[in-house]
C-alpha atoms as a PDB file:
ATOM      1  CA  MET A   1       0.000   0.000   0.000  1.00  0.00           C
ATOM      2  CA  PRO A   2       1.619   3.332  -1.039  1.00  0.00           C
ATOM      3  CA  LEU A   3       2.404   5.768   1.711  1.00  0.00           C
ATOM      4  CA  LEU A   4       0.549   9.073   1.767  1.00  0.00           C
ATOM      5  CA  PRO A   5       2.772  12.157   1.516  1.00  0.00           C
ATOM      6  CA  SER A   6       3.476  13.907   4.789  1.00  0.00           C
ATOM      7  CA  ARG A   7       2.044  17.324   5.561  1.00  0.00           C
ATOM      8  CA  LYS A   8       5.525  18.796   5.353  1.00  0.00           C
ATOM      9  CA  SER A   9       6.062  17.302   1.881  1.00  0.00           C
ATOM     10  CA  TYR A  10       2.688  18.630   0.775  1.00  0.00           C
ATOM     11  CA  ARG A  11       3.512  22.137   2.006  1.00  0.00           C
ATOM     12  CA  ILE A  12       6.878  22.092   0.229  1.00  0.00           C
ATOM     13  CA  ALA A  13       5.266  20.917  -3.011  1.00  0.00           C
ATOM     14  CA  ARG A  14       2.486  23.518  -2.724  1.00  0.00           C
ATOM     15  CA  ARG A  15       4.992  26.351  -2.229  1.00  0.00           C
ATOM     16  CA  THR A  16       7.122  25.110  -5.130  1.00  0.00           C
ATOM     17  CA  VAL A  17       4.162  24.958  -7.495  1.00  0.00           C
ATOM     18  CA  GLY A  18       2.836  28.234  -6.089  1.00  0.00           C
ATOM     19  CA  GLY A  19       6.182  29.872  -6.815  1.00  0.00           C
ATOM     20  CA  TRP A  20       6.079  28.710 -10.437  1.00  0.00           C
ATOM     21  CA  VAL A  21       2.541  30.034 -10.844  1.00  0.00           C
ATOM     22  CA  LEU A  22       3.353  33.413  -9.266  1.00  0.00           C
ATOM     23  CA  ARG A  23       6.424  33.897 -11.432  1.00  0.00           C
ATOM     24  CA  GLY A  24       4.690  32.823 -14.620  1.00  0.00           C
ATOM     25  CA  LEU A  25       1.193  34.239 -14.226  1.00  0.00           C
ATOM     26  CA  GLY A  26       1.012  36.370 -11.083  1.00  0.00           C
ATOM     27  CA  PRO A  27       2.372  39.789 -12.150  1.00  0.00           C
ATOM     28  CA  GLY A  28       0.424  40.025 -15.403  1.00  0.00           C
ATOM     29  CA  ALA A  29      -2.776  38.626 -13.925  1.00  0.00           C
ATOM     30  CA  SER A  30      -2.511  41.000 -10.970  1.00  0.00           C
ATOM     31  CA  ARG A  31      -2.113  44.032 -13.236  1.00  0.00           C
ATOM     32  CA  ARG A  32      -5.028  43.040 -15.463  1.00  0.00           C
ATOM     33  CA  LEU A  33      -7.333  42.292 -12.534  1.00  0.00           C
ATOM     34  CA  ALA A  34      -6.436  45.485 -10.643  1.00  0.00           C
ATOM     35  CA  GLY A  35      -7.013  47.470 -13.821  1.00  0.00           C
ATOM     36  CA  THR A  36     -10.723  46.642 -13.590  1.00  0.00           C
ATOM     37  CA  TRP A  37     -11.145  47.807  -9.985  1.00  0.00           C
ATOM     38  CA  ARG A  38     -12.831  51.111  -9.147  1.00  0.00           C
ATOM     39  CA  CYS A  39     -10.634  52.570  -6.413  1.00  0.00           C
ATOM     40  CA  VAL A  40     -11.307  55.434  -4.012  1.00  0.00           C
ATOM     41  CA  GLU A  41      -8.859  56.847  -1.470  1.00  0.00           C
ATOM     42  CA  SER A  42      -9.385  59.108   1.541  1.00  0.00           C
ATOM     43  CA  GLY A  43      -7.290  60.462   4.383  1.00  0.00           C
ATOM     44  CA  THR A  44      -3.743  61.755   4.219  1.00  0.00           C
ATOM     45  CA  PRO A  45      -1.041  59.414   2.870  1.00  0.00           C
ATOM     46  CA  PRO A  46       2.483  59.850   4.226  1.00  0.00           C
ATOM     47  CA  ARG A  47       4.936  62.147   2.503  1.00  0.00           C
ATOM     48  CA  GLY A  48       8.668  61.546   2.682  1.00  0.00           C
ATOM     49  CA  ARG A  49      10.189  59.110   5.180  1.00  0.00           C
ATOM     50  CA  ALA A  50       7.471  56.960   6.717  1.00  0.00           C
ATOM     51  CA  LEU A  51       6.305  53.586   8.008  1.00  0.00           C
ATOM     52  CA  ILE A  52       3.001  52.184   6.724  1.00  0.00           C
ATOM     53  CA  ALA A  53       1.015  49.383   8.389  1.00  0.00           C
ATOM     54  CA  LEU A  54      -1.695  47.300   6.720  1.00  0.00           C
ATOM     55  CA  TRP A  55      -3.191  43.892   7.414  1.00  0.00           C
ATOM     56  CA  HIS A  56      -1.450  40.907   5.830  1.00  0.00           C
ATOM     57  CA  GLY A  57      -4.615  39.676   4.118  1.00  0.00           C
ATOM     58  CA  ARG A  58      -5.042  42.963   2.196  1.00  0.00           C
ATOM     59  CA  MET A  59      -1.611  43.020   0.527  1.00  0.00           C
ATOM     60  CA  LEU A  60      -2.849  42.153  -2.958  1.00  0.00           C
ATOM     61  CA  CYS A  61      -5.539  44.843  -2.809  1.00  0.00           C
ATOM     62  CA  GLY A  62      -2.960  47.633  -2.726  1.00  0.00           C
ATOM     63  CA  LEU A  63      -0.199  45.961  -4.738  1.00  0.00           C
ATOM     64  CA  GLN A  64      -0.900  47.733  -8.030  1.00  0.00           C
ATOM     65  CA  HIS A  65      -2.559  50.860  -6.601  1.00  0.00           C
ATOM     66  CA  TYR A  66       0.713  51.890  -4.919  1.00  0.00           C
ATOM     67  CA  ALA A  67       3.086  50.268  -7.424  1.00  0.00           C
ATOM     68  CA  HIS A  68       6.244  51.922  -8.780  1.00  0.00           C
ATOM     69  CA  ARG A  69       6.430  54.644  -6.132  1.00  0.00           C
ATOM     70  CA  GLY A  70       9.795  53.507  -4.823  1.00  0.00           C
ATOM     71  CA  TRP A  71       8.252  52.105  -1.641  1.00  0.00           C
ATOM     72  CA  SER A  72       9.807  49.201   0.256  1.00  0.00           C
ATOM     73  CA  VAL A  73       8.108  46.243   1.967  1.00  0.00           C
ATOM     74  CA  LEU A  74       9.373  44.320   4.981  1.00  0.00           C
ATOM     75  CA  VAL A  75       8.842  40.629   4.179  1.00  0.00           C
ATOM     76  CA  SER A  76       9.523  37.747   6.537  1.00  0.00           C
ATOM     77  CA  PRO A  77      12.366  35.331   5.700  1.00  0.00           C
ATOM     78  CA  SER A  78       9.839  32.464   5.723  1.00  0.00           C
ATOM     79  CA  ASP A  79       8.872  30.337   2.721  1.00  0.00           C
ATOM     80  CA  ASP A  80       5.602  32.256   2.399  1.00  0.00           C
ATOM     81  CA  GLY A  81       7.606  35.477   2.281  1.00  0.00           C
ATOM     82  CA  GLU A  82       9.604  34.027  -0.595  1.00  0.00           C
ATOM     83  CA  LEU A  83       6.383  33.525  -2.574  1.00  0.00           C
ATOM     84  CA  SER A  84       5.452  37.217  -2.288  1.00  0.00           C
ATOM     85  CA  HIS A  85       8.985  38.474  -2.997  1.00  0.00           C
ATOM     86  CA  TYR A  86       8.722  38.157  -6.784  1.00  0.00           C
ATOM     87  CA  MET A  87       5.245  39.710  -6.981  1.00  0.00           C
ATOM     88  CA  LEU A  88       6.397  42.753  -5.017  1.00  0.00           C
ATOM     89  CA  GLU A  89       9.547  43.298  -7.041  1.00  0.00           C
ATOM     90  CA  SER A  90       7.610  42.968 -10.299  1.00  0.00           C
ATOM     91  CA  ALA A  91       5.374  45.838  -9.132  1.00  0.00           C
ATOM     92  CA  GLY A  92       8.365  48.066  -8.417  1.00  0.00           C
ATOM     93  CA  TYR A  93       8.680  47.584  -4.657  1.00  0.00           C
ATOM     94  CA  ARG A  94      11.984  47.025  -2.914  1.00  0.00           C
ATOM     95  CA  VAL A  95      11.880  43.983  -0.646  1.00  0.00           C
ATOM     96  CA  VAL A  96      13.593  43.949   2.766  1.00  0.00           C
ATOM     97  CA  ARG A  97      13.795  40.439   4.239  1.00  0.00           C
ATOM     98  CA  GLY A  98      13.684  39.994   8.006  1.00  0.00           C
ATOM     99  CA  SER A  99      11.605  40.120  11.176  1.00  0.00           C
ATOM    100  CA  ARG A 100      12.229  40.984  14.794  1.00  0.00           C
ATOM    101  CA  SER A 101      12.896  37.308  15.595  1.00  0.00           C
ATOM    102  CA  CYS A 102      14.854  36.432  12.452  1.00  0.00           C
ATOM    103  CA  GLY A 103      17.157  38.794  10.635  1.00  0.00           C
ATOM    104  CA  GLY A 104      15.765  41.775  12.537  1.00  0.00           C
ATOM    105  CA  ALA A 105      19.069  43.573  13.100  1.00  0.00           C
ATOM    106  CA  ARG A 106      20.079  43.298   9.440  1.00  0.00           C
ATOM    107  CA  ALA A 107      16.587  44.311   8.280  1.00  0.00           C
ATOM    108  CA  LEU A 108      16.656  47.304  10.643  1.00  0.00           C
ATOM    109  CA  ARG A 109      20.019  48.456   9.287  1.00  0.00           C
ATOM    110  CA  GLU A 110      18.721  48.189   5.717  1.00  0.00           C
ATOM    111  CA  MET A 111      15.512  50.019   6.652  1.00  0.00           C
ATOM    112  CA  LEU A 112      17.452  52.830   8.327  1.00  0.00           C
ATOM    113  CA  ALA A 113      19.578  53.210   5.201  1.00  0.00           C
ATOM    114  CA  LEU A 114      16.458  53.345   3.035  1.00  0.00           C
ATOM    115  CA  LEU A 115      14.688  55.765   5.353  1.00  0.00           C
ATOM    116  CA  GLY A 116      17.734  57.958   5.378  1.00  0.00           C
ATOM    117  CA  ASP A 117      17.215  58.333   1.630  1.00  0.00           C
ATOM    118  CA  GLY A 118      13.572  59.311   2.135  1.00  0.00           C
ATOM    119  CA  ALA A 119      12.033  55.898   1.559  1.00  0.00           C
ATOM    120  CA  VAL A 120       8.659  54.567   2.679  1.00  0.00           C
ATOM    121  CA  VAL A 121       8.585  51.109   4.308  1.00  0.00           C
ATOM    122  CA  ILE A 122       5.420  48.982   4.492  1.00  0.00           C
ATOM    123  CA  LEU A 123       4.861  46.580   7.407  1.00  0.00           C
ATOM    124  CA  THR A 124       2.182  43.911   7.969  1.00  0.00           C
ATOM    125  CA  PRO A 125       1.758  43.767  11.762  1.00  0.00           C
ATOM    126  CA  ASP A 126      -0.165  40.470  11.859  1.00  0.00           C
ATOM    127  CA  GLY A 127       2.237  38.662   9.535  1.00  0.00           C
ATOM    128  CA  PRO A 128       3.750  36.306   8.763  1.00  0.00           C
ATOM    129  CA  ARG A 129       1.810  33.741  10.830  1.00  0.00           C
ATOM    130  CA  GLY A 130      -1.047  35.604  12.513  1.00  0.00           C
ATOM    131  CA  PRO A 131      -3.409  35.408  14.190  1.00  0.00           C
ATOM    132  CA  ARG A 132      -5.411  37.704  11.953  1.00  0.00           C
ATOM    133  CA  HIS A 133      -5.589  41.324  13.139  1.00  0.00           C
ATOM    134  CA  ALA A 134      -3.126  40.742  15.979  1.00  0.00           C
ATOM    135  CA  VAL A 135      -0.348  43.353  16.034  1.00  0.00           C
ATOM    136  CA  ASN A 136       3.036  41.823  16.792  1.00  0.00           C
ATOM    137  CA  PRO A 137       5.491  43.919  18.846  1.00  0.00           C
ATOM    138  CA  GLY A 138       7.899  44.295  15.944  1.00  0.00           C
ATOM    139  CA  VAL A 139       6.008  47.224  14.407  1.00  0.00           C
ATOM    140  CA  ALA A 140       6.144  49.401  17.535  1.00  0.00           C
ATOM    141  CA  TRP A 141       9.790  48.361  17.949  1.00  0.00           C
ATOM    142  CA  MET A 142      10.556  49.491  14.371  1.00  0.00           C
ATOM    143  CA  ALA A 143       8.785  52.806  15.011  1.00  0.00           C
ATOM    144  CA  ARG A 144      10.801  53.368  18.182  1.00  0.00           C
ATOM    145  CA  GLU A 145      14.118  52.487  16.562  1.00  0.00           C
ATOM    146  CA  THR A 146      13.530  54.601  13.435  1.00  0.00           C
ATOM    147  CA  GLY A 147      11.814  57.515  15.194  1.00  0.00           C
ATOM    148  CA  LEU A 148       9.063  57.520  12.566  1.00  0.00           C
ATOM    149  CA  ALA A 149       5.303  57.429  13.010  1.00  0.00           C
ATOM    150  CA  VAL A 150       3.301  54.469  11.694  1.00  0.00           C
ATOM    151  CA  HIS A 151       0.569  55.339   9.192  1.00  0.00           C
ATOM    152  CA  PRO A 152      -2.316  52.811   9.325  1.00  0.00           C
ATOM    153  CA  LEU A 153      -3.934  51.949   5.983  1.00  0.00           C
ATOM    154  CA  GLY A 154      -7.382  50.348   5.993  1.00  0.00           C
ATOM    155  CA  ILE A 155      -8.545  48.572   2.830  1.00  0.00           C
ATOM    156  CA  ALA A 156     -11.940  47.122   1.900  1.00  0.00           C
ATOM    157  CA  SER A 157     -13.618  45.637  -1.163  1.00  0.00           C
ATOM    158  CA  ASP A 158     -17.314  45.233  -1.890  1.00  0.00           C
ATOM    159  CA  ALA A 159     -16.836  41.995  -3.865  1.00  0.00           C
ATOM    160  CA  ALA A 160     -13.923  39.647  -3.297  1.00  0.00           C
ATOM    161  CA  TRP A 161     -12.700  36.096  -3.075  1.00  0.00           C
ATOM    162  CA  ARG A 162     -11.289  35.241   0.358  1.00  0.00           C
ATOM    163  CA  LEU A 163      -8.934  32.309   0.798  1.00  0.00           C
ATOM    164  CA  SER A 164      -9.260  29.862   3.679  1.00  0.00           C
ATOM    165  CA  SER A 165      -5.880  30.992   5.022  1.00  0.00           C
ATOM    166  CA  TRP A 166      -5.303  32.378   8.526  1.00  0.00           C
ATOM    167  CA  ASP A 167      -5.419  35.947   7.160  1.00  0.00           C
ATOM    168  CA  ALA A 168      -8.513  35.404   4.951  1.00  0.00           C
ATOM    169  CA  PHE A 169      -6.367  36.642   2.050  1.00  0.00           C
ATOM    170  CA  THR A 170      -8.534  38.983  -0.031  1.00  0.00           C
ATOM    171  CA  ILE A 171      -8.652  39.096  -3.845  1.00  0.00           C
ATOM    172  CA  PRO A 172     -11.132  41.695  -5.152  1.00  0.00           C
ATOM    173  CA  LYS A 173     -13.218  40.408  -8.049  1.00  0.00           C
ATOM    174  CA  PRO A 174     -13.262  42.040 -11.501  1.00  0.00           C
ATOM    175  CA  ARG A 175     -14.872  45.514 -11.390  1.00  0.00           C
ATOM    176  CA  ALA A 176     -15.017  45.463  -7.603  1.00  0.00           C
ATOM    177  CA  ARG A 177     -14.943  48.731  -5.711  1.00  0.00           C
ATOM    178  CA  VAL A 178     -11.879  49.020  -3.469  1.00  0.00           C
ATOM    179  CA  ALA A 179     -11.527  51.693  -0.768  1.00  0.00           C
ATOM    180  CA  PHE A 180      -8.253  52.848   0.784  1.00  0.00           C
ATOM    181  CA  VAL A 181      -8.521  54.861   4.014  1.00  0.00           C
ATOM    182  CA  TRP A 182      -5.539  56.396   5.817  1.00  0.00           C
ATOM    183  CA  GLY A 183      -5.976  56.490   9.586  1.00  0.00           C
ATOM    184  CA  GLU A 184      -4.297  58.713  12.156  1.00  0.00           C
ATOM    185  CA  ALA A 185      -0.538  58.147  12.357  1.00  0.00           C
ATOM    186  CA  LEU A 186       0.915  56.688  15.569  1.00  0.00           C
ATOM    187  CA  ALA A 187       4.248  57.815  17.065  1.00  0.00           C
ATOM    188  CA  VAL A 188       6.306  55.781  19.563  1.00  0.00           C
ATOM    189  CA  ALA A 189       8.635  57.548  22.006  1.00  0.00           C
ATOM    190  CA  PRO A 190      12.366  56.768  21.581  1.00  0.00           C
ATOM    191  CA  ASP A 191      12.609  55.758  25.253  1.00  0.00           C
ATOM    192  CA  ALA A 192       9.516  53.526  25.209  1.00  0.00           C
ATOM    193  CA  GLY A 193       9.890  50.369  27.290  1.00  0.00           C
ATOM    194  CA  GLU A 194       8.232  46.987  26.831  1.00  0.00           C
ATOM    195  CA  ARG A 195       4.963  48.142  28.414  1.00  0.00           C
ATOM    196  CA  GLU A 196       4.815  51.243  26.218  1.00  0.00           C
ATOM    197  CA  LEU A 197       5.523  49.126  23.141  1.00  0.00           C
ATOM    198  CA  GLU A 198       2.685  46.794  24.112  1.00  0.00           C
ATOM    199  CA  LEU A 199       0.289  49.733  24.519  1.00  0.00           C
ATOM    200  CA  ALA A 200       1.435  51.229  21.221  1.00  0.00           C
ATOM    201  CA  GLY A 201       0.734  47.917  19.483  1.00  0.00           C
ATOM    202  CA  ALA A 202      -2.779  47.805  20.955  1.00  0.00           C
ATOM    203  CA  GLU A 203      -3.439  51.389  19.848  1.00  0.00           C
ATOM    204  CA  LEU A 204      -2.153  50.660  16.341  1.00  0.00           C
ATOM    205  CA  CYS A 205      -4.509  47.678  16.151  1.00  0.00           C
ATOM    206  CA  GLU A 206      -7.462  49.920  17.019  1.00  0.00           C
ATOM    207  CA  ARG A 207      -6.432  52.520  14.441  1.00  0.00           C
ATOM    208  CA  LEU A 208      -5.997  49.882  11.738  1.00  0.00           C
ATOM    209  CA  LEU A 209      -9.393  48.357  12.506  1.00  0.00           C
ATOM    210  CA  GLY A 210     -10.926  51.832  12.596  1.00  0.00           C
ATOM    211  CA  ALA A 211      -9.485  52.665   9.172  1.00  0.00           C
ATOM    212  CA  ALA A 212     -10.729  49.325   7.815  1.00  0.00           C
ATOM    213  CA  ARG A 213     -14.232  49.965   9.204  1.00  0.00           C
ATOM    214  CA  ALA A 214     -14.200  53.426   7.593  1.00  0.00           C
ATOM    215  CA  ALA A 215     -13.241  51.817   4.265  1.00  0.00           C
ATOM    216  CA  HIS A 216     -16.170  49.399   4.544  1.00  0.00           C
ATOM    217  CA  ARG A 217     -18.553  52.236   5.406  1.00  0.00           C
ATOM    218  CA  GLN A 218     -17.361  54.152   2.370  1.00  0.00           C
ATOM    219  CA  LEU A 219     -18.416  51.205   0.217  1.00  0.00           C
ATOM    220  CA  GLY A 220     -21.669  50.638   2.127  1.00  0.00           C
ATOM    221  CA  VAL A 221     -20.763  47.097   3.169  1.00  0.00           C
ATOM    222  CA  GLU A 222     -20.313  45.365   6.528  1.00  0.00           C
ATOM    223  CA  PRO A 223     -16.791  44.558   7.820  1.00  0.00           C
ATOM    224  CA  ASP A 224     -15.682  41.114   6.660  1.00  0.00           C
ATOM    225  CA  TRP A 225     -14.335  39.817   9.954  1.00  0.00           C
END
């Protein structure tokens, strides 16, 4: 009787095939699909050096809308991060690999160099493993170390496919309306301790959820969580 493949083998095979698909079809398909969306934007986007936070499951929604602006994205060194690396670079983003727990010091040095040149760096506070809408302490830590405020970006769509992944990864359907709402920026004091970082993370979570709710209201739909 043949042995069934292990879960680990299945995950490796899925990522390998997924990587082939993303490299071959992803960039073009993403551009064509996003070209059909009807996008609206409100609030004040950052100007100059800045950190941006958005939920992991909304990454594809903004991929083309903010493409080729010279922005950078902090991506985890995990296998899932590898899958998104090519898509981001094809849309003109610079990819910084690392997290607070793995490669954080190197990623921070690279971010500081980029920010010194006036760059914008995008962070996904509930990535790479979740749970969904849980802000990890790395974002507040990055804000403290760089001295920059975090600009929360809420995104909503009125018609979308949602994957059965931990982040309910969202893919707006053709001709969907997509709303982008910039929330109030959050600053973290340079002398903030662990408790202050924890409180800053909780406040950022509320501001991100608030911006997302505002985006849903703008489209006249209920929040999808």
